């Protein structure tokens, strides 16, 4: 069946679904932007050693965190997710407790971000000391969701003889500073408008299809 010759009800349902999604996307993005604005009116959360990290008390507005730990630069990876012709590359580096002497059996904290290379120089700017061969860093960033990269992170850790903890915490550092990391993004309203507009077009096309079917039946 041709995409342009489906039953009108299908277009109406698709249109309503997209318009509802655009509303949800718009209010979600507005909520995120409000949280960022609130975070910038306050000091960042107090720095906490990752061994003592508690989501209930150590996470500020916009999921902002400041954590201390050992940066295992020997396990830095770039991970590329491919789907059809599109590629997305993220980098990852594990973070251990500052008093760790050996690589842990399970990794709970992972620094991640979208880029084609691991920004080691920027990460090392946050170094406050060293433990053996690993720098101790204090990272200001935001909690993130690895999504499709979670399994790839897990596989990379398994290659090195360790595993990813079930309750792993992923953090995207503010590599260009706190203000840049919490700056508003303009894509939310535009994206929701595009989704809503497409939904409206499909909804309207459903009526055109209904009228066309009626004329064909009457002929």
C-alpha atoms as a PDB file:
ATOM      1  CA  UNK A   1       0.000   0.000   0.000  1.00  0.00           C
ATOM      2  CA  UNK A   2       1.294   3.435  -0.964  1.00  0.00           C
ATOM      3  CA  UNK A   3       2.109   5.867   1.853  1.00  0.00           C
ATOM      4  CA  UNK A   4      -0.180   8.418   0.185  1.00  0.00           C
ATOM      5  CA  UNK A   5      -3.119   6.064  -0.257  1.00  0.00           C
ATOM      6  CA  UNK A   6      -3.727   4.764   3.264  1.00  0.00           C
ATOM      7  CA  UNK A   7      -7.056   4.977   5.070  1.00  0.00           C
ATOM      8  CA  UNK A   8      -7.843   8.499   6.366  1.00  0.00           C
ATOM      9  CA  UNK A   9      -8.084   7.254   9.955  1.00  0.00           C
ATOM     10  CA  UNK A  10      -4.416   6.271   9.826  1.00  0.00           C
ATOM     11  CA  UNK A  11      -3.412   9.834   8.931  1.00  0.00           C
ATOM     12  CA  UNK A  12      -5.611  11.234  11.685  1.00  0.00           C
ATOM     13  CA  UNK A  13      -4.093   8.916  14.265  1.00  0.00           C
ATOM     14  CA  UNK A  14      -0.560   9.660  13.099  1.00  0.00           C
ATOM     15  CA  UNK A  15      -1.276  13.387  13.117  1.00  0.00           C
ATOM     16  CA  UNK A  16      -2.762  13.346  16.607  1.00  0.00           C
ATOM     17  CA  UNK A  17       0.165  11.263  17.854  1.00  0.00           C
ATOM     18  CA  UNK A  18       2.748  13.663  16.454  1.00  0.00           C
ATOM     19  CA  UNK A  19       0.949  16.736  17.753  1.00  0.00           C
ATOM     20  CA  UNK A  20       0.739  15.162  21.217  1.00  0.00           C
ATOM     21  CA  UNK A  21       4.447  14.289  21.037  1.00  0.00           C
ATOM     22  CA  UNK A  22       5.294  17.873  20.091  1.00  0.00           C
ATOM     23  CA  UNK A  23       3.467  19.189  23.152  1.00  0.00           C
ATOM     24  CA  UNK A  24       5.223  16.672  25.400  1.00  0.00           C
ATOM     25  CA  UNK A  25       8.595  17.531  23.833  1.00  0.00           C
ATOM     26  CA  UNK A  26       8.000  21.273  24.216  1.00  0.00           C
ATOM     27  CA  UNK A  27       7.087  21.168  27.903  1.00  0.00           C
ATOM     28  CA  UNK A  28       9.903  18.707  28.591  1.00  0.00           C
ATOM     29  CA  UNK A  29      12.460  21.023  27.006  1.00  0.00           C
ATOM     30  CA  UNK A  30      11.031  24.026  28.856  1.00  0.00           C
ATOM     31  CA  UNK A  31      11.336  22.135  32.139  1.00  0.00           C
ATOM     32  CA  UNK A  32      14.974  21.310  31.367  1.00  0.00           C
ATOM     33  CA  UNK A  33      15.770  24.926  30.503  1.00  0.00           C
ATOM     34  CA  UNK A  34      14.107  26.160  33.695  1.00  0.00           C
ATOM     35  CA  UNK A  35      16.235  23.733  35.710  1.00  0.00           C
ATOM     36  CA  UNK A  36      19.405  25.041  34.051  1.00  0.00           C
ATOM     37  CA  UNK A  37      18.420  28.633  34.745  1.00  0.00           C
ATOM     38  CA  UNK A  38      17.766  27.764  38.390  1.00  0.00           C
ATOM     39  CA  UNK A  39      21.113  25.995  38.678  1.00  0.00           C
ATOM     40  CA  UNK A  40      22.937  29.110  37.465  1.00  0.00           C
ATOM     41  CA  UNK A  41      21.355  31.197  40.232  1.00  0.00           C
ATOM     42  CA  UNK A  42      22.961  28.891  42.792  1.00  0.00           C
ATOM     43  CA  UNK A  43      26.424  27.639  43.618  1.00  0.00           C
ATOM     44  CA  UNK A  44      27.279  24.212  42.227  1.00  0.00           C
ATOM     45  CA  UNK A  45      26.683  21.232  44.510  1.00  0.00           C
ATOM     46  CA  UNK A  46      29.414  20.530  47.049  1.00  0.00           C
ATOM     47  CA  UNK A  47      32.142  18.256  45.727  1.00  0.00           C
ATOM     48  CA  UNK A  48      31.744  14.669  46.904  1.00  0.00           C
ATOM     49  CA  UNK A  49      34.020  11.651  46.725  1.00  0.00           C
ATOM     50  CA  UNK A  50      32.341   9.120  44.445  1.00  0.00           C
ATOM     51  CA  UNK A  51      32.516   6.469  47.153  1.00  0.00           C
ATOM     52  CA  UNK A  52      30.102   8.646  49.168  1.00  0.00           C
ATOM     53  CA  UNK A  53      27.921   9.800  46.281  1.00  0.00           C
ATOM     54  CA  UNK A  54      24.180   9.825  46.981  1.00  0.00           C
ATOM     55  CA  UNK A  55      21.679  10.801  44.288  1.00  0.00           C
ATOM     56  CA  UNK A  56      19.273  12.095  46.919  1.00  0.00           C
ATOM     57  CA  UNK A  57      21.681  14.660  48.389  1.00  0.00           C
ATOM     58  CA  UNK A  58      24.487  15.253  45.874  1.00  0.00           C
ATOM     59  CA  UNK A  59      22.527  16.177  42.741  1.00  0.00           C
ATOM     60  CA  UNK A  60      21.483  19.773  42.096  1.00  0.00           C
ATOM     61  CA  UNK A  61      19.046  21.350  39.633  1.00  0.00           C
ATOM     62  CA  UNK A  62      19.522  20.223  36.009  1.00  0.00           C
ATOM     63  CA  UNK A  63      21.114  17.022  37.409  1.00  0.00           C
ATOM     64  CA  UNK A  64      24.324  18.935  38.171  1.00  0.00           C
ATOM     65  CA  UNK A  65      27.018  17.136  40.153  1.00  0.00           C
ATOM     66  CA  UNK A  66      30.574  17.716  41.359  1.00  0.00           C
ATOM     67  CA  UNK A  67      32.451  14.473  42.018  1.00  0.00           C
ATOM     68  CA  UNK A  68      35.990  13.475  42.962  1.00  0.00           C
ATOM     69  CA  UNK A  69      37.724  10.299  41.886  1.00  0.00           C
ATOM     70  CA  UNK A  70      40.561   8.609  40.035  1.00  0.00           C
ATOM     71  CA  UNK A  71      40.527   8.984  36.278  1.00  0.00           C
ATOM     72  CA  UNK A  72      41.616   5.761  34.569  1.00  0.00           C
ATOM     73  CA  UNK A  73      43.103   7.260  31.407  1.00  0.00           C
ATOM     74  CA  UNK A  74      44.396   3.829  30.369  1.00  0.00           C
ATOM     75  CA  UNK A  75      40.792   2.769  29.716  1.00  0.00           C
ATOM     76  CA  UNK A  76      39.677   5.697  27.604  1.00  0.00           C
ATOM     77  CA  UNK A  77      37.595   4.676  24.618  1.00  0.00           C
ATOM     78  CA  UNK A  78      35.746   6.161  21.685  1.00  0.00           C
ATOM     79  CA  UNK A  79      32.538   4.305  20.848  1.00  0.00           C
ATOM     80  CA  UNK A  80      30.820   4.619  17.481  1.00  0.00           C
ATOM     81  CA  UNK A  81      27.191   3.689  17.019  1.00  0.00           C
ATOM     82  CA  UNK A  82      26.190   3.068  13.415  1.00  0.00           C
ATOM     83  CA  UNK A  83      22.656   2.951  12.079  1.00  0.00           C
ATOM     84  CA  UNK A  84      22.202   2.894   8.331  1.00  0.00           C
ATOM     85  CA  UNK A  85      24.315   5.800   7.079  1.00  0.00           C
ATOM     86  CA  UNK A  86      24.389   7.726  10.335  1.00  0.00           C
ATOM     87  CA  UNK A  87      27.221   7.489  12.857  1.00  0.00           C
ATOM     88  CA  UNK A  88      27.354   8.877  16.393  1.00  0.00           C
ATOM     89  CA  UNK A  89      30.589   8.796  18.390  1.00  0.00           C
ATOM     90  CA  UNK A  90      30.885   9.116  22.156  1.00  0.00           C
ATOM     91  CA  UNK A  91      33.946   8.933  24.366  1.00  0.00           C
ATOM     92  CA  UNK A  92      34.166   7.279  27.789  1.00  0.00           C
ATOM     93  CA  UNK A  93      36.594   7.154  30.714  1.00  0.00           C
ATOM     94  CA  UNK A  94      35.957   5.237  33.973  1.00  0.00           C
ATOM     95  CA  UNK A  95      36.207   7.002  37.323  1.00  0.00           C
ATOM     96  CA  UNK A  96      37.215   5.135  40.491  1.00  0.00           C
ATOM     97  CA  UNK A  97      37.238   6.035  44.176  1.00  0.00           C
ATOM     98  CA  UNK A  98      40.252   8.194  45.073  1.00  0.00           C
ATOM     99  CA  UNK A  99      41.724   5.586  47.428  1.00  0.00           C
ATOM    100  CA  UNK A 100      41.502   2.723  44.912  1.00  0.00           C
ATOM    101  CA  UNK A 101      44.783   0.879  44.477  1.00  0.00           C
ATOM    102  CA  UNK A 102      43.667  -1.648  41.847  1.00  0.00           C
ATOM    103  CA  UNK A 103      41.154  -1.646  39.050  1.00  0.00           C
ATOM    104  CA  UNK A 104      37.779  -2.542  40.604  1.00  0.00           C
ATOM    105  CA  UNK A 105      35.815  -5.630  39.579  1.00  0.00           C
ATOM    106  CA  UNK A 106      32.809  -3.426  38.826  1.00  0.00           C
ATOM    107  CA  UNK A 107      32.801   0.165  37.537  1.00  0.00           C
ATOM    108  CA  UNK A 108      30.040   2.407  38.861  1.00  0.00           C
ATOM    109  CA  UNK A 109      31.065   5.835  37.521  1.00  0.00           C
ATOM    110  CA  UNK A 110      31.749   6.614  33.870  1.00  0.00           C
ATOM    111  CA  UNK A 111      32.486   9.982  32.280  1.00  0.00           C
ATOM    112  CA  UNK A 112      30.965  10.291  28.800  1.00  0.00           C
ATOM    113  CA  UNK A 113      30.377  12.848  26.102  1.00  0.00           C
ATOM    114  CA  UNK A 114      29.708  13.166  22.391  1.00  0.00           C
ATOM    115  CA  UNK A 115      32.936  13.742  20.464  1.00  0.00           C
ATOM    116  CA  UNK A 116      35.263  11.905  18.115  1.00  0.00           C
ATOM    117  CA  UNK A 117      38.147  11.848  20.601  1.00  0.00           C
ATOM    118  CA  UNK A 118      38.596  11.637  24.359  1.00  0.00           C
ATOM    119  CA  UNK A 119      39.202  15.202  25.663  1.00  0.00           C
ATOM    120  CA  UNK A 120      41.995  14.156  28.021  1.00  0.00           C
ATOM    121  CA  UNK A 121      43.606  17.588  28.156  1.00  0.00           C
ATOM    122  CA  UNK A 122      40.358  19.212  29.294  1.00  0.00           C
ATOM    123  CA  UNK A 123      39.707  16.430  31.826  1.00  0.00           C
ATOM    124  CA  UNK A 124      43.218  16.706  33.269  1.00  0.00           C
ATOM    125  CA  UNK A 125      42.692  20.427  33.874  1.00  0.00           C
ATOM    126  CA  UNK A 126      40.448  19.358  36.755  1.00  0.00           C
ATOM    127  CA  UNK A 127      43.205  17.261  38.392  1.00  0.00           C
ATOM    128  CA  UNK A 128      43.769  17.894  42.107  1.00  0.00           C
ATOM    129  CA  UNK A 129      46.347  15.183  42.805  1.00  0.00           C
ATOM    130  CA  UNK A 130      47.588  11.782  41.762  1.00  0.00           C
ATOM    131  CA  UNK A 131      47.213   8.237  43.070  1.00  0.00           C
ATOM    132  CA  UNK A 132      49.866   5.970  41.644  1.00  0.00           C
ATOM    133  CA  UNK A 133      49.703   6.549  37.906  1.00  0.00           C
ATOM    134  CA  UNK A 134      46.138   7.838  37.892  1.00  0.00           C
ATOM    135  CA  UNK A 135      45.181  11.500  38.320  1.00  0.00           C
ATOM    136  CA  UNK A 136      42.600  12.411  40.933  1.00  0.00           C
ATOM    137  CA  UNK A 137      40.117  14.812  39.361  1.00  0.00           C
ATOM    138  CA  UNK A 138      37.204  16.941  40.496  1.00  0.00           C
ATOM    139  CA  UNK A 139      34.556  16.874  37.775  1.00  0.00           C
ATOM    140  CA  UNK A 140      31.689  19.331  37.444  1.00  0.00           C
ATOM    141  CA  UNK A 141      29.049  18.086  35.041  1.00  0.00           C
ATOM    142  CA  UNK A 142      25.564  16.655  34.740  1.00  0.00           C
ATOM    143  CA  UNK A 143      24.134  13.174  35.047  1.00  0.00           C
ATOM    144  CA  UNK A 144      23.478  11.717  31.622  1.00  0.00           C
ATOM    145  CA  UNK A 145      21.778   8.702  30.072  1.00  0.00           C
ATOM    146  CA  UNK A 146      23.965   6.499  27.880  1.00  0.00           C
ATOM    147  CA  UNK A 147      21.020   5.069  25.930  1.00  0.00           C
ATOM    148  CA  UNK A 148      22.224   2.976  23.009  1.00  0.00           C
ATOM    149  CA  UNK A 149      25.833   3.313  24.221  1.00  0.00           C
ATOM    150  CA  UNK A 150      25.312   1.489  27.516  1.00  0.00           C
ATOM    151  CA  UNK A 151      25.930  -1.969  26.042  1.00  0.00           C
ATOM    152  CA  UNK A 152      29.008  -0.659  24.227  1.00  0.00           C
ATOM    153  CA  UNK A 153      30.414   0.750  27.466  1.00  0.00           C
ATOM    154  CA  UNK A 154      29.768  -2.594  29.132  1.00  0.00           C
ATOM    155  CA  UNK A 155      31.547  -4.477  26.328  1.00  0.00           C
ATOM    156  CA  UNK A 156      34.551  -2.139  26.507  1.00  0.00           C
ATOM    157  CA  UNK A 157      34.911  -2.730  30.243  1.00  0.00           C
ATOM    158  CA  UNK A 158      34.583  -6.494  29.845  1.00  0.00           C
ATOM    159  CA  UNK A 159      37.454  -6.375  27.339  1.00  0.00           C
ATOM    160  CA  UNK A 160      39.602  -4.958  30.143  1.00  0.00           C
ATOM    161  CA  UNK A 161      38.578  -7.558  32.701  1.00  0.00           C
ATOM    162  CA  UNK A 162      35.964  -5.605  34.606  1.00  0.00           C
ATOM    163  CA  UNK A 163      32.200  -5.011  34.388  1.00  0.00           C
ATOM    164  CA  UNK A 164      29.695  -2.179  34.407  1.00  0.00           C
ATOM    165  CA  UNK A 165      27.667  -1.909  37.607  1.00  0.00           C
ATOM    166  CA  UNK A 166      23.898  -2.269  37.285  1.00  0.00           C
ATOM    167  CA  UNK A 167      23.431   1.068  39.057  1.00  0.00           C
ATOM    168  CA  UNK A 168      26.175   2.769  37.065  1.00  0.00           C
ATOM    169  CA  UNK A 169      26.262   6.575  37.106  1.00  0.00           C
ATOM    170  CA  UNK A 170      27.093   8.352  33.836  1.00  0.00           C
ATOM    171  CA  UNK A 171      28.316  11.942  33.940  1.00  0.00           C
ATOM    172  CA  UNK A 172      28.870  14.388  31.095  1.00  0.00           C
ATOM    173  CA  UNK A 173      31.524  16.907  32.241  1.00  0.00           C
ATOM    174  CA  UNK A 174      31.170  20.631  31.582  1.00  0.00           C
ATOM    175  CA  UNK A 175      34.334  20.712  29.476  1.00  0.00           C
ATOM    176  CA  UNK A 176      33.877  24.355  28.493  1.00  0.00           C
ATOM    177  CA  UNK A 177      32.908  25.511  31.956  1.00  0.00           C
ATOM    178  CA  UNK A 178      29.774  25.512  34.082  1.00  0.00           C
ATOM    179  CA  UNK A 179      28.051  28.440  32.375  1.00  0.00           C
ATOM    180  CA  UNK A 180      28.507  26.888  28.943  1.00  0.00           C
ATOM    181  CA  UNK A 181      27.345  23.506  30.206  1.00  0.00           C
ATOM    182  CA  UNK A 182      24.168  25.000  31.651  1.00  0.00           C
ATOM    183  CA  UNK A 183      23.547  27.477  28.833  1.00  0.00           C
ATOM    184  CA  UNK A 184      20.069  27.387  27.242  1.00  0.00           C
ATOM    185  CA  UNK A 185      19.620  25.422  24.054  1.00  0.00           C
ATOM    186  CA  UNK A 186      17.432  26.824  21.289  1.00  0.00           C
ATOM    187  CA  UNK A 187      16.513  23.519  19.647  1.00  0.00           C
ATOM    188  CA  UNK A 188      13.571  22.642  21.907  1.00  0.00           C
ATOM    189  CA  UNK A 189      10.866  25.027  20.633  1.00  0.00           C
ATOM    190  CA  UNK A 190      11.971  24.627  17.012  1.00  0.00           C
ATOM    191  CA  UNK A 191      11.998  20.852  17.242  1.00  0.00           C
ATOM    192  CA  UNK A 192       8.565  20.695  18.854  1.00  0.00           C
ATOM    193  CA  UNK A 193       7.180  23.100  16.229  1.00  0.00           C
ATOM    194  CA  UNK A 194       8.482  20.904  13.409  1.00  0.00           C
ATOM    195  CA  UNK A 195       6.987  17.764  14.937  1.00  0.00           C
ATOM    196  CA  UNK A 196       3.670  19.520  15.549  1.00  0.00           C
ATOM    197  CA  UNK A 197       3.632  20.951  12.034  1.00  0.00           C
ATOM    198  CA  UNK A 198       4.181  17.522  10.515  1.00  0.00           C
ATOM    199  CA  UNK A 199       1.372  16.146  12.667  1.00  0.00           C
ATOM    200  CA  UNK A 200      -0.955  18.913  11.516  1.00  0.00           C
ATOM    201  CA  UNK A 201      -0.127  18.214   7.856  1.00  0.00           C
ATOM    202  CA  UNK A 202      -0.861  14.509   8.271  1.00  0.00           C
ATOM    203  CA  UNK A 203      -4.105  15.258  10.079  1.00  0.00           C
ATOM    204  CA  UNK A 204      -5.185  17.593   7.286  1.00  0.00           C
ATOM    205  CA  UNK A 205      -4.148  15.118   4.605  1.00  0.00           C
ATOM    206  CA  UNK A 206      -6.473  12.610   6.226  1.00  0.00           C
ATOM    207  CA  UNK A 207      -9.426  14.819   5.306  1.00  0.00           C
ATOM    208  CA  UNK A 208      -8.173  15.119   1.736  1.00  0.00           C
ATOM    209  CA  UNK A 209      -7.970  11.338   1.528  1.00  0.00           C
ATOM    210  CA  UNK A 210     -11.512  11.006   2.917  1.00  0.00           C
ATOM    211  CA  UNK A 211     -12.892  13.410   0.338  1.00  0.00           C
ATOM    212  CA  UNK A 212     -10.975  11.665  -2.424  1.00  0.00           C
ATOM    213  CA  UNK A 213     -12.361   8.267  -1.405  1.00  0.00           C
ATOM    214  CA  UNK A 214     -15.900   9.655  -1.321  1.00  0.00           C
ATOM    215  CA  UNK A 215     -15.572  11.118  -4.817  1.00  0.00           C
ATOM    216  CA  UNK A 216     -14.162   7.853  -6.134  1.00  0.00           C
ATOM    217  CA  UNK A 217     -17.042   5.908  -4.567  1.00  0.00           C
ATOM    218  CA  UNK A 218     -19.620   8.271  -6.067  1.00  0.00           C
ATOM    219  CA  UNK A 219     -18.152   8.154  -9.567  1.00  0.00           C
END
